[in-house]
Amino acid sequence: MALQDELREQLIKQFAADVVILTEDTGRDYYACPTCKRHVAMSNEKCPSCEQSLKWDNVKKKEIERLGSKTATLTFEVPGDFVRSDCRKCPISYIGKSDKENVYECPLNMRNNCPLKIV
């Protein structure tokens, strides 16, 4: 029975849970794992202590509400025959692995809905 409970616990930890914001005795806020309540860094996708998968959407939303948001623009040159969604010629794309083969990946994760504006 204990093995089955342990397997169930490990399975549940694979589903991402919202990171919580807790307050220390000093009054300072910190990001914590929702399962074990230990500190986690914003770059962590899993809790280093208990292996819980982490989701940061709620933290990002609170930061936007607290700080507001801005729009940033990045300008760069592309070849004259470049068209949107042509990741092979896009200077910000990179080569990634997909099913044991190399593919051009969009860092914006918008391959078929490219937001680039060509002027």
Protein backbone atom coordinates (compact mmCIF):
# COMPACT_ATOMS: atom_id res chain seq x y z
CA MET A 1 0.00 0.00 0.00
CA ALA A 2 2.87 2.40 0.82
CA LEU A 3 4.40 1.87 -2.63
CA GLN A 4 1.07 2.67 -4.28
CA ASP A 5 0.77 5.89 -2.23
CA GLU A 6 4.32 6.87 -3.16
CA LEU A 7 3.62 6.27 -6.86
CA ARG A 8 0.42 8.33 -6.61
CA GLU A 9 2.36 11.16 -4.95
CA GLN A 10 5.03 11.10 -7.67
CA LEU A 11 2.36 11.14 -10.39
CA ILE A 12 0.58 14.12 -8.84
CA LYS A 13 3.88 16.05 -8.63
CA GLN A 14 4.22 15.80 -12.41
CA PHE A 15 1.24 18.15 -12.83
CA ALA A 16 2.36 21.77 -12.52
CA ALA A 17 1.12 23.60 -9.42
CA ASP A 18 0.99 27.37 -8.91
CA VAL A 19 3.96 28.79 -7.03
CA VAL A 20 2.89 30.55 -3.84
CA ILE A 21 4.18 33.81 -2.41
CA LEU A 22 4.92 33.50 1.31
CA THR A 23 6.18 36.04 3.83
CA GLU A 24 9.17 35.44 6.11
CA ASP A 25 9.20 36.53 9.76
CA THR A 26 11.16 39.58 8.62
CA GLY A 27 8.25 40.66 6.41
CA ARG A 28 10.06 39.83 3.17
CA ASP A 29 8.10 37.94 0.50
CA TYR A 30 9.54 34.89 -1.27
CA TYR A 31 8.46 32.36 -3.88
CA ALA A 32 7.76 28.92 -2.48
CA CYS A 33 6.82 25.45 -3.65
CA PRO A 34 3.11 24.85 -2.98
CA THR A 35 3.84 21.31 -1.79
CA CYS A 36 6.81 21.65 0.59
CA LYS A 37 6.79 25.46 1.12
CA ARG A 38 10.55 25.75 0.51
CA HIS A 39 12.14 28.64 -1.42
CA VAL A 40 12.24 28.30 -5.21
CA ALA A 41 14.02 30.49 -7.74
CA MET A 42 11.98 32.01 -10.55
CA SER A 43 13.89 29.96 -13.14
CA ASN A 44 12.95 26.63 -11.54
CA GLU A 45 10.49 24.43 -13.42
CA LYS A 46 10.61 21.89 -10.58
CA CYS A 47 11.10 22.27 -6.86
CA PRO A 48 14.67 21.23 -6.04
CA SER A 49 13.51 19.78 -2.71
CA CYS A 50 10.44 17.69 -3.55
CA GLU A 51 10.42 17.59 -7.40
CA GLN A 52 6.96 19.23 -7.67
CA SER A 53 6.43 20.69 -11.16
CA LEU A 54 5.91 24.43 -10.87
CA LYS A 55 3.73 26.91 -12.75
CA TRP A 56 4.57 30.63 -12.63
CA ASP A 57 1.50 32.14 -14.38
CA ASN A 58 -0.06 33.50 -11.19
CA VAL A 59 3.23 35.12 -10.08
CA LYS A 60 3.74 36.76 -13.49
CA LYS A 61 0.16 38.04 -13.45
CA LYS A 62 0.62 39.55 -9.97
CA GLU A 63 3.88 41.20 -11.05
CA ILE A 64 2.16 42.75 -14.07
CA GLU A 65 -0.66 44.00 -11.86
CA ARG A 66 1.83 45.42 -9.36
CA LEU A 67 4.30 46.94 -11.79
CA GLY A 68 2.17 47.44 -14.89
CA SER A 69 3.46 46.32 -18.26
CA LYS A 70 5.31 47.85 -21.18
CA THR A 71 5.71 46.90 -24.80
CA ALA A 72 9.24 46.27 -26.02
CA THR A 73 10.38 46.39 -29.63
CA LEU A 74 13.37 44.58 -31.07
CA THR A 75 14.65 45.67 -34.49
CA PHE A 76 17.00 43.58 -36.63
CA GLU A 77 17.77 43.05 -40.29
CA VAL A 78 16.59 40.05 -42.29
CA PRO A 79 17.39 38.88 -45.84
CA GLY A 80 15.39 40.56 -48.62
CA ASP A 81 13.53 37.34 -49.43
CA PHE A 82 12.52 36.73 -45.79
CA VAL A 83 8.82 36.12 -45.14
CA ARG A 84 7.09 35.71 -41.81
CA SER A 85 7.06 32.14 -40.45
CA ASP A 86 10.21 31.22 -42.41
CA CYS A 87 12.15 30.09 -39.36
CA ARG A 88 15.07 28.85 -41.46
CA LYS A 89 15.99 32.44 -42.39
CA CYS A 90 14.93 34.16 -39.18
CA PRO A 91 17.95 35.45 -37.25
CA ILE A 92 16.36 34.77 -33.86
CA SER A 93 15.49 31.12 -34.55
CA TYR A 94 17.67 28.31 -33.28
CA ILE A 95 18.19 24.65 -34.09
CA GLY A 96 16.40 22.29 -31.72
CA LYS A 97 15.68 18.56 -31.56
CA SER A 98 12.33 17.03 -32.47
CA ASP A 99 11.96 13.25 -32.65
CA LYS A 100 15.70 12.70 -33.20
CA GLU A 101 15.99 15.27 -36.01
CA ASN A 102 17.10 18.89 -36.09
CA VAL A 103 14.44 21.54 -36.65
CA TYR A 104 14.43 25.33 -36.59
CA GLU A 105 12.66 26.53 -33.47
CA CYS A 106 11.08 29.90 -32.81
CA PRO A 107 12.07 31.37 -29.42
CA LEU A 108 8.66 33.10 -29.38
CA ASN A 109 6.90 29.70 -29.77
CA MET A 110 4.82 31.20 -32.55
CA ARG A 111 5.98 29.31 -35.61
CA ASN A 112 2.65 29.41 -37.46
CA ASN A 113 1.52 32.75 -36.04
CA CYS A 114 4.68 34.82 -36.42
CA PRO A 115 4.23 38.27 -34.83
CA LEU A 116 7.21 39.84 -36.63
CA LYS A 117 6.49 43.00 -38.59
CA ILE A 118 8.53 43.46 -41.72
CA VAL A 119 9.14 47.08 -42.77
